[in-house]
Amino acid sequence: MTTTPQADGANASSHELQRKLSNRHLQLIAIGGAIGTGLFMGSGKTISLAGPSILVIYMIIGTMFFFLMRALGEILLSNLHYKSFIDMAHDLIGPGAGYYIGWSYWLGWVLVGIADLAAIINYLGFWLPPDMAFTPMGQALISVGCVLFVLGLNLLTVKLFGEIEFWFALIKILAILGLIVIGGFMVFSHFHSPDGTASSFTNVWSHGGMFPKGADGFLAGFQIALFAFVGVELIGTMAAETKDPEKNLPKAINAIPTRIILFYVLSLFVVMSVTPWNQIPADQSPFVSLFLHAGIPTSAIIMNLVVLSSVMSSMNSGVFSTSRMLFGLAREGQAPQSLARLSKRAVPAKGLFFSCAFIMAGAALQYFVPNTVEAFTLASSLCVILFISIWSIIMVCYIRYRKLRPELHEKSTFKMPGGIWMSYVVLIFLFFTLIILSLEADTLRALMISPLWVIILAVTYQLLYKPRMKKRLLEQQLNS
């Protein structure tokens, strides 16, 4: 499949995405994608399920994702005409794969947006007295306001999007670094919380060991931990809007292991050193509960504001990526052609409205499922299942790329370590995580619902996309 090279600079075509994201934007967006709602909110439930073994879970998942991202990076850099992994899947596997990965990625980020809405309501509850709560209608109105705010941000230029995400990500990074420093100080100064608990590294393993919930708890922790990694692949949707991708994409991808160790493993190690894991509430961000447990409410307020900004950042990134996916699908005739048109600011505005309309429908979920943790778990479970299939297709694309384009692999200066055999290791791991999802009642429910999406895509592909492609090919033949 051939595509038109993307325009660059002020003279860019109004029909093409423009390369406006600098290395500074890409690096921080990549970090922001690795620090999402799953870490700030979901880790509370994951700790309650798995205990300190959450640290092992994050290291395993982080290792697998490093190889996945190296595979994605090698393919994208092998052909800079790929705007995202829709083009990649379409070219290397076939139009059906491009159709599936594009629409599934779109739905996955819509579900992330819905989960983010649940998280926002949960965080805003921090400011209310214990005997008060938002009414279902109040929750829905807050959700609508958040979606409209994010929509407004995305309708502006992509450069402004990158700038906003840069500052969102910077806030998250500085907050986690601050937490690590403050938590480390509390441990080394043997700080005692109001209930008499002493801060100590031994708190991590002295309450039942590293695997206090056994193998069942360890496996149960994978679902929400996986949700925390949704967004790591986000830079794969920005290939068409990144300046100097040969230089900047490798930098962003190679930094993933350091980010995982620093932002996931070290931060949660410090949290569980200050607050024993069995005292961390499942329905609260452990980053906020650390300061509450330590009797420092002012710091807890600041951290709650930080996690709120993190959720808004996650939703902002999600809306951005869904609009680019819809743009790519429309350009290939796999979505309504109106979604392929760009605004005067070179932004796929109609795709933004389309995505936000569906995320807005998530506000209805707040009305029918007022329990925010239950709503978050349902949306995040469905989201993880979709992303497992997307990540798997990316690995299959790499295997196909090695078979179909061996000359490009030989010329590549950014080869994936381990190559083909490591691709199969990652695929086996992703299949293993699907089996894990069948072990828990709430995630099993989501797993049983997910085939409906495959059926919907199969039917629409046969009834809508194929006839459109036949018509397009016929017109090309008549014109030639």
Protein backbone atom coordinates (compact mmCIF):
# COMPACT_ATOMS: atom_id res chain seq x y z
CA MET A 1 0.00 0.00 0.00
CA THR A 2 1.40 3.40 -0.87
CA THR A 3 0.54 6.60 0.87
CA THR A 4 1.35 10.22 0.26
CA PRO A 5 4.30 11.50 2.31
CA GLN A 6 3.18 13.78 5.06
CA ALA A 7 3.60 17.49 4.67
CA ASP A 8 5.91 19.47 6.87
CA GLY A 9 5.88 23.12 7.80
CA ALA A 10 3.78 26.09 6.96
CA ASN A 11 3.25 25.08 3.35
CA ALA A 12 1.69 21.75 4.30
CA SER A 13 -1.34 20.62 2.40
CA SER A 14 -4.61 21.15 4.19
CA HIS A 15 -5.38 17.51 3.39
CA GLU A 16 -2.42 16.09 5.30
CA LEU A 17 -1.45 15.79 8.94
CA GLN A 18 1.51 18.03 9.71
CA ARG A 19 4.75 17.20 11.52
CA LYS A 20 4.38 19.63 14.43
CA LEU A 21 5.35 17.45 17.43
CA SER A 22 8.95 18.07 18.49
CA ASN A 23 11.25 15.74 20.45
CA ARG A 24 10.30 17.60 23.64
CA HIS A 25 6.60 16.92 22.98
CA LEU A 26 7.13 13.29 21.94
CA GLN A 27 9.29 12.40 24.95
CA LEU A 28 6.84 13.83 27.47
CA ILE A 29 3.76 12.42 25.69
CA ALA A 30 5.43 8.99 25.68
CA ILE A 31 6.10 9.32 29.42
CA GLY A 32 2.57 10.60 30.00
CA GLY A 33 1.20 7.61 28.09
CA ALA A 34 3.10 5.34 30.47
CA ILE A 35 1.71 7.11 33.54
CA GLY A 36 -2.04 6.87 33.23
CA THR A 37 -5.20 6.40 35.23
CA GLY A 38 -4.38 2.73 35.72
CA LEU A 39 -1.33 3.65 37.81
CA PHE A 40 -2.88 6.48 39.81
CA MET A 41 -6.29 4.91 40.49
CA GLY A 42 -6.08 1.26 39.47
CA SER A 43 -2.97 0.44 41.49
CA GLY A 44 -5.01 0.72 44.72
CA LYS A 45 -7.17 -2.22 43.68
CA THR A 46 -4.19 -4.08 42.21
CA ILE A 47 -2.32 -3.79 45.54
CA SER A 48 -5.39 -5.09 47.40
CA LEU A 49 -5.48 -8.10 45.03
CA ALA A 50 -1.77 -8.88 44.67
CA GLY A 51 -0.01 -7.18 47.58
CA PRO A 52 3.68 -6.34 47.06
CA SER A 53 3.85 -8.75 44.11
CA ILE A 54 2.46 -5.84 42.09
CA LEU A 55 6.12 -4.79 41.74
CA VAL A 56 6.93 -8.09 39.99
CA ILE A 57 3.81 -7.74 37.81
CA TYR A 58 4.86 -4.29 36.60
CA MET A 59 8.40 -5.46 35.83
CA ILE A 60 7.12 -8.43 33.78
CA ILE A 61 4.61 -6.34 31.83
CA GLY A 62 7.15 -3.53 31.36
CA THR A 63 9.69 -5.96 29.88
CA MET A 64 7.14 -7.32 27.39
CA PHE A 65 6.08 -3.83 26.37
CA PHE A 66 9.63 -2.73 25.74
CA PHE A 67 9.98 -5.46 23.11
CA LEU A 68 6.53 -4.69 21.68
CA MET A 69 7.47 -1.03 21.28
CA ARG A 70 10.83 -1.90 19.73
CA ALA A 71 8.99 -4.03 17.15
CA LEU A 72 6.52 -1.20 16.46
CA GLY A 73 9.36 1.33 16.20
CA GLU A 74 11.34 -0.76 13.71
CA ILE A 75 8.31 -1.16 11.42
CA LEU A 76 7.27 2.52 11.56
CA LEU A 77 10.82 3.66 10.78
CA SER A 78 11.11 1.17 7.91
CA ASN A 79 8.40 3.10 6.03
CA LEU A 80 7.83 6.71 7.02
CA HIS A 81 4.70 6.76 4.86
CA TYR A 82 2.94 4.77 7.60
CA LYS A 83 0.79 7.32 9.42
CA SER A 84 -0.07 4.88 12.22
CA PHE A 85 -0.39 1.16 12.79
CA ILE A 86 -3.60 1.09 10.69
CA ASP A 87 -1.45 1.57 7.59
CA MET A 88 1.07 -0.90 8.96
CA ALA A 89 -1.53 -3.66 9.54
CA HIS A 90 -3.27 -2.94 6.21
CA ASP A 91 0.01 -3.25 4.32
CA LEU A 92 1.58 -6.22 6.12
CA ILE A 93 -1.46 -8.38 6.94
CA GLY A 94 -4.36 -7.10 4.84
CA PRO A 95 -7.27 -4.64 4.78
CA GLY A 96 -9.25 -6.73 7.26
CA ALA A 97 -6.47 -6.38 9.86
CA GLY A 98 -6.29 -2.63 9.26
CA TYR A 99 -10.05 -2.36 9.65
CA TYR A 100 -10.02 -4.35 12.90
CA ILE A 101 -7.05 -2.64 14.53
CA GLY A 102 -8.27 0.84 13.60
CA TRP A 103 -11.82 0.50 14.87
CA SER A 104 -10.75 -1.56 17.92
CA TYR A 105 -8.15 1.05 18.86
CA TRP A 106 -10.85 3.71 18.51
CA LEU A 107 -13.26 1.79 20.77
CA GLY A 108 -10.46 0.98 23.21
CA TRP A 109 -9.70 4.66 23.75
CA VAL A 110 -13.41 5.47 24.01
CA LEU A 111 -13.53 2.93 26.86
CA VAL A 112 -10.43 4.56 28.39
CA GLY A 113 -12.33 7.84 28.28
CA ILE A 114 -15.31 6.24 30.04
CA ALA A 115 -13.01 4.73 32.69
CA ASP A 116 -11.39 8.14 33.11
CA LEU A 117 -14.81 9.70 33.73
CA ALA A 118 -15.37 7.19 36.56
CA ALA A 119 -11.94 8.05 37.97
CA ILE A 120 -12.67 11.79 37.85
CA ILE A 121 -15.89 11.31 39.87
CA ASN A 122 -13.95 9.16 42.34
CA TYR A 123 -11.23 11.79 42.79
CA LEU A 124 -13.72 14.65 43.12
CA GLY A 125 -15.34 12.69 45.96
CA PHE A 126 -12.15 13.41 47.94
CA TRP A 127 -13.42 16.96 48.49
CA LEU A 128 -16.81 15.87 49.87
CA PRO A 129 -17.66 14.97 53.51
CA PRO A 130 -17.97 11.19 54.15
CA ASP A 131 -21.78 11.35 54.38
CA MET A 132 -22.13 13.10 51.00
CA ALA A 133 -21.80 11.86 47.44
CA PHE A 134 -22.54 13.06 43.96
CA THR A 135 -26.00 12.20 42.68
CA PRO A 136 -26.08 10.11 39.47
CA MET A 137 -27.23 13.22 37.58
CA GLY A 138 -24.41 15.26 39.10
CA GLN A 139 -21.89 12.60 38.03
CA ALA A 140 -23.27 12.66 34.50
CA LEU A 141 -23.07 16.48 34.27
CA ILE A 142 -19.45 16.49 35.50
CA SER A 143 -18.61 13.86 32.87
CA VAL A 144 -20.19 15.94 30.11
CA GLY A 145 -18.25 19.02 31.22
CA CYS A 146 -14.94 17.10 31.17
CA VAL A 147 -15.58 15.75 27.65
CA LEU A 148 -16.44 19.23 26.31
CA PHE A 149 -13.28 20.66 27.89
CA VAL A 150 -11.07 18.00 26.26
CA LEU A 151 -12.86 18.44 22.93
CA GLY A 152 -12.11 22.17 23.01
CA LEU A 153 -8.40 21.51 23.64
CA ASN A 154 -8.16 19.08 20.73
CA LEU A 155 -9.90 21.34 18.23
CA LEU A 156 -6.89 23.65 18.41
CA THR A 157 -3.61 22.94 16.58
CA VAL A 158 -1.66 19.71 17.10
CA LYS A 159 1.28 21.80 18.30
CA LEU A 160 -0.91 23.21 21.08
CA PHE A 161 -2.07 19.68 21.91
CA GLY A 162 1.59 18.67 22.25
CA GLU A 163 2.25 21.70 24.46
CA ILE A 164 -0.70 20.93 26.75
CA GLU A 165 0.27 17.27 27.02
CA PHE A 166 3.86 18.32 27.71
CA TRP A 167 2.75 20.25 30.80
CA PHE A 168 0.25 17.58 31.90
CA ALA A 169 3.03 14.97 31.71
CA LEU A 170 5.52 17.24 33.46
CA ILE A 171 3.10 17.67 36.38
CA LYS A 172 2.76 13.88 36.68
CA ILE A 173 6.52 13.34 36.52
CA LEU A 174 7.34 16.00 39.10
CA ALA A 175 4.57 14.72 41.41
CA ILE A 176 5.86 11.14 41.31
CA LEU A 177 9.46 12.26 41.78
CA GLY A 178 8.30 14.43 44.69
CA LEU A 179 6.43 11.49 46.21
CA ILE A 180 9.54 9.29 45.92
CA VAL A 181 11.71 11.94 47.59
CA ILE A 182 9.21 12.69 50.39
CA GLY A 183 8.44 9.00 50.92
CA GLY A 184 12.15 8.18 50.99
CA PHE A 185 12.73 10.92 53.57
CA MET A 186 9.89 9.52 55.70
CA VAL A 187 11.44 6.05 55.57
CA PHE A 188 14.98 7.19 56.42
CA SER A 189 13.73 9.46 59.22
CA HIS A 190 11.60 6.57 60.63
CA PHE A 191 8.46 8.71 60.36
CA HIS A 192 5.49 7.48 62.45
CA SER A 193 1.95 7.95 61.15
CA PRO A 194 -0.84 9.06 63.54
CA ASP A 195 -1.80 5.38 64.12
CA GLY A 196 1.77 4.58 65.20
CA THR A 197 2.93 2.77 62.03
CA ALA A 198 6.62 3.38 61.37
CA SER A 199 7.75 4.02 57.78
CA SER A 200 10.21 1.32 56.78
CA PHE A 201 11.25 -0.62 53.69
CA THR A 202 10.40 -3.78 55.64
CA ASN A 203 6.71 -2.81 55.43
CA VAL A 204 6.80 -4.05 51.85
CA TRP A 205 7.43 -7.71 52.77
CA SER A 206 6.67 -7.97 56.50
CA HIS A 207 2.89 -8.36 56.07
CA GLY A 208 2.73 -11.81 54.50
CA GLY A 209 5.78 -11.66 52.26
CA MET A 210 6.03 -10.57 48.64
CA PHE A 211 3.20 -12.91 47.58
CA PRO A 212 0.71 -12.66 50.48
CA LYS A 213 -2.29 -13.54 48.29
CA GLY A 214 -0.57 -16.52 46.70
CA ALA A 215 -0.65 -17.38 42.99
CA ASP A 216 -4.34 -16.44 42.66
CA GLY A 217 -3.74 -12.91 43.94
CA PHE A 218 -0.63 -12.54 41.79
CA LEU A 219 -2.52 -13.51 38.62
CA ALA A 220 -5.56 -11.38 39.52
CA GLY A 221 -3.34 -8.31 39.66
CA PHE A 222 -2.49 -8.48 35.95
CA GLN A 223 -5.80 -7.10 34.61
CA ILE A 224 -5.68 -3.60 36.12
CA ALA A 225 -1.87 -3.54 35.85
CA LEU A 226 -2.26 -4.08 32.10
CA PHE A 227 -4.74 -1.21 31.96
CA ALA A 228 -2.04 1.02 33.46
CA PHE A 229 0.07 0.37 30.33
CA VAL A 230 -2.63 1.35 27.84
CA GLY A 231 -1.20 4.37 26.06
CA VAL A 232 2.42 3.22 25.91
CA GLU A 233 1.82 2.53 22.20
CA LEU A 234 0.40 6.05 21.74
CA ILE A 235 3.52 7.29 19.94
CA GLY A 236 2.64 4.79 17.19
CA THR A 237 -0.36 6.99 16.32
CA MET A 238 1.82 10.11 16.16
CA ALA A 239 4.22 8.91 13.47
CA ALA A 240 2.72 11.29 10.90
CA GLU A 241 2.95 14.32 13.19
CA THR A 242 6.45 13.85 14.62
CA LYS A 243 9.43 15.92 13.50
CA ASP A 244 12.56 13.92 12.62
CA PRO A 245 11.02 10.50 13.52
CA GLU A 246 14.27 8.60 12.78
CA LYS A 247 15.88 10.41 15.71
CA ASN A 248 12.97 11.03 18.08
CA LEU A 249 11.03 7.74 18.00
CA PRO A 250 14.02 5.60 19.09
CA LYS A 251 14.74 8.00 21.96
CA ALA A 252 11.16 7.77 23.23
CA ILE A 253 11.01 3.95 22.93
CA ASN A 254 14.44 3.21 24.46
CA ALA A 255 13.53 5.19 27.57
CA ILE A 256 10.56 2.88 28.39
CA PRO A 257 12.44 0.49 30.77
CA THR A 258 13.77 3.41 32.85
CA ARG A 259 10.28 4.91 33.07
CA ILE A 260 8.72 1.63 34.19
CA ILE A 261 11.30 1.15 36.96
CA LEU A 262 11.09 4.77 38.12
CA PHE A 263 7.41 5.59 37.81
CA TYR A 264 5.83 2.21 38.56
CA VAL A 265 8.18 0.02 40.57
CA LEU A 266 10.08 2.60 42.64
CA SER A 267 7.05 4.83 43.33
CA LEU A 268 4.86 1.94 44.54
CA PHE A 269 7.78 0.48 46.53
CA VAL A 270 7.99 3.81 48.38
CA VAL A 271 4.19 3.95 48.82
CA MET A 272 4.12 0.48 50.39
CA SER A 273 7.12 1.36 52.57
CA VAL A 274 5.26 4.31 54.11
CA THR A 275 1.80 2.70 54.12
CA PRO A 276 1.72 -1.10 54.60
CA TRP A 277 -0.01 -2.61 51.56
CA ASN A 278 -2.85 -4.09 53.65
CA GLN A 279 -3.79 -0.57 54.84
CA ILE A 280 -4.12 0.92 51.35
CA PRO A 281 -7.83 1.30 50.37
CA ALA A 282 -8.75 -0.49 47.14
CA ASP A 283 -11.05 2.37 46.04
CA GLN A 284 -8.52 5.17 46.57
CA SER A 285 -5.35 6.27 44.83
CA PRO A 286 -2.42 4.91 46.90
CA PHE A 287 -0.55 8.12 46.08
CA VAL A 288 -3.20 10.14 47.92
CA SER A 289 -3.65 7.59 50.73
CA LEU A 290 0.11 7.72 51.47
CA PHE A 291 -0.13 11.33 52.63
CA LEU A 292 -3.47 10.78 54.40
CA HIS A 293 -2.01 7.79 56.26
CA ALA A 294 1.00 9.90 57.19
CA GLY A 295 -1.29 12.63 58.54
CA ILE A 296 -0.26 15.24 55.94
CA PRO A 297 -3.63 16.36 54.50
CA THR A 298 -2.20 19.36 52.62
CA SER A 299 0.09 17.11 50.60
CA ALA A 300 -2.84 14.73 50.03
CA ILE A 301 -4.85 17.61 48.57
CA ILE A 302 -2.00 18.52 46.21
CA MET A 303 -1.58 14.89 45.12
CA ASN A 304 -5.32 14.57 44.51
CA LEU A 305 -5.11 17.59 42.18
CA VAL A 306 -2.19 15.91 40.42
CA VAL A 307 -4.07 12.65 39.86
CA LEU A 308 -7.05 14.65 38.57
CA SER A 309 -4.78 16.34 36.03
CA SER A 310 -3.41 12.89 35.14
CA VAL A 311 -6.88 11.62 34.30
CA MET A 312 -7.59 14.69 32.17
CA SER A 313 -4.27 14.08 30.41
CA SER A 314 -5.24 10.46 29.73
CA MET A 315 -8.60 11.51 28.28
CA ASN A 316 -6.92 14.24 26.22
CA SER A 317 -4.49 11.71 24.72
CA GLY A 318 -7.31 9.26 24.07
CA VAL A 319 -9.42 11.78 22.17
CA PHE A 320 -6.35 12.78 20.15
CA SER A 321 -5.51 9.19 19.18
CA THR A 322 -9.10 8.19 18.30
CA SER A 323 -9.45 11.14 15.92
CA ARG A 324 -6.19 10.16 14.15
CA MET A 325 -7.35 6.55 13.89
CA LEU A 326 -10.64 7.67 12.34
CA PHE A 327 -8.70 9.90 9.93
CA GLY A 328 -6.57 6.93 8.84
CA LEU A 329 -9.61 4.66 8.48
CA ALA A 330 -11.48 7.23 6.41
CA ARG A 331 -8.46 7.74 4.12
CA GLU A 332 -8.56 4.00 3.40
CA GLY A 333 -12.32 4.01 2.80
CA GLN A 334 -12.96 2.11 6.04
CA ALA A 335 -14.90 4.94 7.68
CA PRO A 336 -17.19 7.74 6.41
CA GLN A 337 -15.23 10.03 4.07
CA SER A 338 -16.21 13.13 6.03
CA LEU A 339 -13.88 11.93 8.80
CA ALA A 340 -10.92 12.25 6.41
CA ARG A 341 -11.30 16.03 6.12
CA LEU A 342 -9.09 18.30 8.18
CA SER A 343 -10.00 21.67 9.62
CA LYS A 344 -8.15 24.89 8.73
CA ARG A 345 -5.82 24.09 11.64
CA ALA A 346 -4.99 20.67 10.07
CA VAL A 347 -6.96 18.88 12.80
CA PRO A 348 -9.45 16.04 12.06
CA ALA A 349 -12.29 17.98 13.71
CA LYS A 350 -15.14 15.70 12.61
CA GLY A 351 -13.30 12.69 14.01
CA LEU A 352 -12.94 14.56 17.30
CA PHE A 353 -16.69 15.26 17.46
CA PHE A 354 -17.48 11.64 16.54
CA SER A 355 -15.23 10.21 19.29
CA CYS A 356 -16.38 12.68 21.93
CA ALA A 357 -20.02 11.87 21.20
CA PHE A 358 -19.37 8.24 22.13
CA ILE A 359 -17.30 9.12 25.19
CA MET A 360 -20.15 11.42 26.17
CA ALA A 361 -22.40 8.37 26.13
CA GLY A 362 -20.12 7.14 28.92
CA ALA A 363 -21.75 9.81 31.05
CA ALA A 364 -24.84 7.59 30.93
CA LEU A 365 -22.76 4.85 32.55
CA GLN A 366 -22.26 7.14 35.52
CA TYR A 367 -26.06 7.36 35.79
CA PHE A 368 -26.74 3.62 35.58
CA VAL A 369 -23.60 2.49 37.45
CA PRO A 370 -23.12 5.11 40.19
CA ASN A 371 -20.47 2.94 41.92
CA THR A 372 -17.38 4.51 40.35
CA VAL A 373 -15.03 1.60 41.12
CA GLU A 374 -17.48 -0.87 39.54
CA ALA A 375 -17.87 1.38 36.46
CA PHE A 376 -14.08 1.80 36.24
CA THR A 377 -13.48 -1.97 36.47
CA LEU A 378 -16.08 -2.80 33.79
CA ALA A 379 -14.78 -0.21 31.31
CA SER A 380 -11.11 -0.99 31.98
CA SER A 381 -11.67 -4.76 31.61
CA LEU A 382 -13.30 -4.37 28.19
CA CYS A 383 -10.55 -1.93 27.23
CA VAL A 384 -7.74 -4.33 28.22
CA ILE A 385 -9.26 -7.15 26.14
CA LEU A 386 -9.37 -4.92 23.06
CA PHE A 387 -5.82 -3.70 23.59
CA ILE A 388 -4.50 -7.24 24.05
CA SER A 389 -5.84 -8.03 20.56
CA ILE A 390 -4.30 -4.81 19.16
CA TRP A 391 -0.90 -5.47 20.75
CA SER A 392 -1.04 -9.03 19.37
CA ILE A 393 -1.70 -7.75 15.84
CA ILE A 394 1.29 -5.38 16.16
CA MET A 395 3.49 -8.40 16.95
CA VAL A 396 2.01 -10.37 14.04
CA CYS A 397 2.78 -7.34 11.83
CA TYR A 398 6.41 -7.56 12.92
CA ILE A 399 6.58 -11.27 12.04
CA ARG A 400 5.03 -10.52 8.62
CA TYR A 401 7.41 -7.58 8.13
CA ARG A 402 10.42 -9.83 8.73
CA LYS A 403 9.04 -12.32 6.18
CA LEU A 404 7.91 -9.84 3.50
CA ARG A 405 10.51 -7.07 3.87
CA PRO A 406 13.82 -8.75 4.85
CA GLU A 407 15.78 -6.08 2.98
CA LEU A 408 14.24 -3.33 5.14
CA HIS A 409 15.15 -5.24 8.30
CA GLU A 410 18.75 -5.56 7.10
CA LYS A 411 18.96 -1.80 6.50
CA SER A 412 17.27 -0.91 9.80
CA THR A 413 19.34 0.95 12.38
CA PHE A 414 16.70 0.30 15.05
CA LYS A 415 16.31 -3.49 15.04
CA MET A 416 14.11 -5.17 17.63
CA PRO A 417 16.24 -7.20 20.11
CA GLY A 418 15.44 -10.89 19.90
CA GLY A 419 13.68 -10.51 16.56
CA ILE A 420 11.21 -13.24 15.55
CA TRP A 421 11.59 -15.49 18.59
CA MET A 422 11.00 -12.58 20.98
CA SER A 423 7.85 -11.70 19.02
CA TYR A 424 6.49 -15.16 19.80
CA VAL A 425 7.41 -14.74 23.48
CA VAL A 426 5.38 -11.51 23.62
CA LEU A 427 2.46 -13.19 21.81
CA ILE A 428 2.50 -16.09 24.29
CA PHE A 429 2.51 -13.61 27.16
CA LEU A 430 -0.49 -11.73 25.71
CA PHE A 431 -2.39 -15.02 25.27
CA PHE A 432 -1.49 -15.89 28.87
CA THR A 433 -3.05 -12.60 30.05
CA LEU A 434 -6.32 -13.47 28.27
CA ILE A 435 -6.42 -16.74 30.23
CA ILE A 436 -5.85 -14.77 33.45
CA LEU A 437 -8.85 -12.56 32.63
CA SER A 438 -11.09 -15.65 32.62
CA LEU A 439 -10.21 -16.39 36.27
CA GLU A 440 -12.00 -13.36 37.81
CA ALA A 441 -15.79 -12.95 37.73
CA ASP A 442 -15.82 -9.27 36.68
CA THR A 443 -13.18 -9.67 33.95
CA LEU A 444 -14.73 -12.97 32.75
CA ARG A 445 -17.98 -11.05 32.14
CA ALA A 446 -16.11 -8.57 29.96
CA LEU A 447 -14.32 -11.41 28.15
CA MET A 448 -17.65 -13.06 27.32
CA ILE A 449 -19.07 -9.81 25.93
CA SER A 450 -16.04 -9.00 23.74
CA PRO A 451 -16.86 -11.43 20.83
CA LEU A 452 -19.85 -9.20 20.04
CA TRP A 453 -17.42 -6.53 18.87
CA VAL A 454 -15.69 -8.99 16.53
CA ILE A 455 -19.07 -9.95 15.06
CA ILE A 456 -20.04 -6.27 14.57
CA LEU A 457 -16.75 -5.57 12.77
CA ALA A 458 -17.02 -8.71 10.60
CA VAL A 459 -20.55 -7.76 9.50
CA THR A 460 -19.73 -4.10 8.80
CA TYR A 461 -16.56 -5.08 6.94
CA GLN A 462 -18.51 -7.38 4.61
CA LEU A 463 -21.56 -5.13 4.15
CA LEU A 464 -19.99 -1.65 4.12
CA TYR A 465 -16.26 -1.72 3.47
CA LYS A 466 -15.94 -4.41 0.77
CA PRO A 467 -18.64 -2.97 -1.54
CA ARG A 468 -17.05 0.49 -1.14
CA MET A 469 -13.65 -0.89 -2.11
CA LYS A 470 -15.04 -2.70 -5.16
CA LYS A 471 -16.67 0.56 -6.28
CA ARG A 472 -13.40 2.46 -5.77
CA LEU A 473 -11.39 -0.10 -7.76
CA LEU A 474 -13.96 -0.02 -10.57
CA GLU A 475 -13.76 3.80 -10.75
CA GLN A 476 -9.95 3.63 -10.86
CA GLN A 477 -10.09 1.11 -13.74
CA LEU A 478 -12.54 3.27 -15.69
CA ASN A 479 -10.40 6.36 -15.20
CA SER A 480 -7.15 4.66 -16.20
